[in-house]
């Protein structure tokens, strides 16, 4: 969120502890993925985080996210709710995390987008290596809205 690491971990640790008290059903932690972290810096300022009179100002090269291992950092605070993990997780890693009970569920995004047969692939131990057609993701007014998400080829035939 553009905060220093200590401020980030303090903030979200506190949030998770408060969510425990509210008895929420689940918490989803989203891992840092650099390709999905926009550059927040205005033009004309030096690279990296900048401070002007002790006020944080994003600079060129500054990212919104604060890269850190969210599972290792916050797992200890999640007491009652289920823990879901998202972002950049492949099938093999997902199976390992679930077997070790490090998480209660894995949330797939990109793999679902590019593999309409993902469940069958997981069940049969098959790879999921289709690239995403980024020109169809998040919609664009110049494209046919029916393209993408649902028209990737099914590679498994029953």
Protein backbone atom coordinates (compact mmCIF):
# COMPACT_ATOMS: atom_id res chain seq x y z
CA UNK A 1 0.00 0.00 0.00
CA UNK A 2 3.01 2.29 -0.35
CA UNK A 3 3.84 2.15 3.35
CA UNK A 4 7.14 1.17 4.88
CA UNK A 5 7.39 -2.53 5.74
CA UNK A 6 7.07 -2.07 9.51
CA UNK A 7 4.02 0.18 9.10
CA UNK A 8 2.50 -2.33 6.68
CA UNK A 9 2.99 -5.31 8.99
CA UNK A 10 1.77 -3.36 12.04
CA UNK A 11 -1.33 -2.16 10.18
CA UNK A 12 -2.37 -5.49 8.72
CA UNK A 13 -1.51 -7.48 11.86
CA UNK A 14 -3.83 -5.19 13.79
CA UNK A 15 -6.53 -5.48 11.11
CA UNK A 16 -6.39 -9.28 11.18
CA UNK A 17 -6.63 -9.36 14.97
CA UNK A 18 -9.71 -7.14 14.82
CA UNK A 19 -11.24 -9.36 12.10
CA UNK A 20 -10.73 -12.36 14.41
CA UNK A 21 -12.85 -10.57 17.03
CA UNK A 22 -15.60 -9.98 14.46
CA UNK A 23 -15.73 -13.69 13.63
CA UNK A 24 -15.38 -13.21 9.89
CA UNK A 25 -15.63 -16.45 7.93
CA UNK A 26 -12.39 -16.14 5.98
CA UNK A 27 -9.44 -13.89 5.23
CA UNK A 28 -7.73 -13.89 1.85
CA UNK A 29 -4.07 -12.95 1.80
CA UNK A 30 -2.79 -11.78 -1.57
CA UNK A 31 0.88 -12.30 -2.28
CA UNK A 32 2.95 -9.58 -3.89
CA UNK A 33 3.20 -9.88 -7.68
CA UNK A 34 5.47 -7.21 -9.14
CA UNK A 35 3.87 -7.32 -12.60
CA UNK A 36 0.56 -6.33 -11.00
CA UNK A 37 2.01 -3.49 -8.91
CA UNK A 38 1.62 -0.15 -10.70
CA UNK A 39 4.32 2.49 -10.70
CA UNK A 40 2.79 5.26 -8.59
CA UNK A 41 5.43 7.92 -9.03
CA UNK A 42 4.79 11.33 -10.58
CA UNK A 43 7.12 12.51 -13.34
CA UNK A 44 10.08 14.71 -12.52
CA UNK A 45 10.89 13.33 -9.05
CA UNK A 46 13.87 11.12 -8.17
CA UNK A 47 13.58 7.34 -8.15
CA UNK A 48 12.51 5.47 -5.03
CA UNK A 49 10.41 6.54 -2.04
CA UNK A 50 10.66 10.25 -1.25
CA UNK A 51 9.87 12.21 1.86
CA UNK A 52 9.15 15.93 1.85
CA UNK A 53 9.01 17.39 5.35
CA UNK A 54 8.41 13.88 6.74
CA UNK A 55 5.47 13.26 4.37
CA UNK A 56 5.74 10.27 2.06
CA UNK A 57 5.48 11.16 -1.64
CA UNK A 58 5.61 8.36 -4.21
CA UNK A 59 8.37 8.98 -6.73
CA UNK A 60 9.26 7.50 -10.09
CA UNK A 61 9.98 3.86 -9.53
CA UNK A 62 7.89 3.77 -6.36
CA UNK A 63 5.41 0.93 -6.27
CA UNK A 64 2.12 0.80 -4.43
CA UNK A 65 2.82 -2.57 -2.82
CA UNK A 66 5.19 -3.45 -0.02
CA UNK A 67 6.82 -6.74 -1.00
CA UNK A 68 6.95 -9.25 1.84
CA UNK A 69 5.89 -12.83 2.55
CA UNK A 70 2.27 -12.33 3.61
CA UNK A 71 1.77 -15.95 4.62
CA UNK A 72 4.82 -16.05 6.89
CA UNK A 73 4.03 -12.59 8.30
CA UNK A 74 0.29 -12.83 8.99
CA UNK A 75 -0.52 -16.55 9.40
CA UNK A 76 0.21 -16.39 13.13
CA UNK A 77 -2.52 -13.77 13.63
CA UNK A 78 -5.33 -15.63 11.85
CA UNK A 79 -7.09 -17.60 14.62
CA UNK A 80 -10.71 -18.35 13.74
CA UNK A 81 -11.37 -17.55 10.11
CA UNK A 82 -10.37 -19.74 7.24
CA UNK A 83 -7.21 -18.60 5.46
CA UNK A 84 -7.23 -18.34 1.68
CA UNK A 85 -4.10 -17.46 -0.31
CA UNK A 86 -4.04 -15.84 -3.75
CA UNK A 87 -1.56 -14.60 -6.38
CA UNK A 88 1.06 -16.41 -8.38
CA UNK A 89 0.39 -19.88 -7.01
CA UNK A 90 0.85 -22.88 -9.23
CA UNK A 91 -0.84 -26.25 -8.80
CA UNK A 92 2.18 -28.01 -7.26
CA UNK A 93 2.74 -25.24 -4.71
CA UNK A 94 -0.99 -25.12 -3.93
CA UNK A 95 -1.06 -28.85 -3.21
CA UNK A 96 1.96 -28.53 -0.92
CA UNK A 97 0.44 -25.64 1.05
CA UNK A 98 -2.83 -27.52 1.44
CA UNK A 99 -1.13 -30.76 2.48
CA UNK A 100 0.89 -28.94 5.16
CA UNK A 101 -2.30 -27.15 6.26
CA UNK A 102 -0.54 -23.81 5.86
CA UNK A 103 -3.75 -22.54 4.26
CA UNK A 104 -7.36 -23.66 4.08
CA UNK A 105 -7.86 -22.87 0.40
CA UNK A 106 -6.07 -21.50 -2.63
CA UNK A 107 -7.68 -18.86 -4.83
CA UNK A 108 -6.67 -19.14 -8.47
CA UNK A 109 -7.11 -16.15 -10.76
CA UNK A 110 -4.85 -16.26 -13.78
CA UNK A 111 -4.90 -20.05 -13.99
CA UNK A 112 -8.72 -20.04 -14.11
CA UNK A 113 -8.72 -17.31 -16.76
CA UNK A 114 -6.45 -19.23 -19.10
CA UNK A 115 -7.63 -22.77 -18.28
CA UNK A 116 -11.39 -23.32 -18.36
CA UNK A 117 -10.54 -26.96 -17.66
CA UNK A 118 -8.41 -26.17 -14.59
CA UNK A 119 -10.34 -28.37 -12.19
CA UNK A 120 -9.95 -31.38 -14.48
CA UNK A 121 -6.23 -30.60 -14.89
CA UNK A 122 -5.76 -30.51 -11.12
CA UNK A 123 -7.73 -33.73 -10.62
CA UNK A 124 -5.69 -35.54 -13.27
CA UNK A 125 -2.28 -34.09 -12.39
CA UNK A 126 -1.91 -32.34 -15.73
CA UNK A 127 0.06 -29.10 -16.29
CA UNK A 128 -1.58 -25.68 -16.57
CA UNK A 129 0.67 -23.73 -18.91
CA UNK A 130 -1.61 -21.75 -21.22
CA UNK A 131 -0.51 -18.13 -21.49
CA UNK A 132 -3.09 -15.44 -20.76
CA UNK A 133 -4.28 -13.31 -23.66
CA UNK A 134 -3.83 -9.98 -21.85
CA UNK A 135 -5.59 -8.11 -24.65
CA UNK A 136 -8.88 -9.59 -23.39
CA UNK A 137 -8.38 -9.07 -19.65
CA UNK A 138 -10.23 -6.25 -17.86
CA UNK A 139 -12.09 -5.34 -21.01
CA UNK A 140 -11.41 -2.61 -23.51
CA UNK A 141 -13.98 -0.63 -25.47
CA UNK A 142 -12.27 -1.47 -28.78
CA UNK A 143 -12.63 -5.25 -28.30
CA UNK A 144 -15.52 -7.65 -28.57
CA UNK A 145 -16.64 -8.11 -24.92
CA UNK A 146 -17.42 -11.77 -25.63
CA UNK A 147 -13.70 -12.49 -26.22
CA UNK A 148 -11.56 -13.79 -23.39
CA UNK A 149 -12.23 -15.56 -20.12
CA UNK A 150 -14.57 -18.15 -21.59
CA UNK A 151 -13.14 -18.85 -25.03
CA UNK A 152 -9.79 -20.44 -24.18
CA UNK A 153 -9.71 -23.92 -25.69
CA UNK A 154 -10.64 -26.88 -23.55
CA UNK A 155 -7.74 -29.24 -23.89
CA UNK A 156 -9.24 -32.08 -21.91
CA UNK A 157 -12.01 -33.94 -23.63
CA UNK A 158 -14.22 -36.28 -21.60
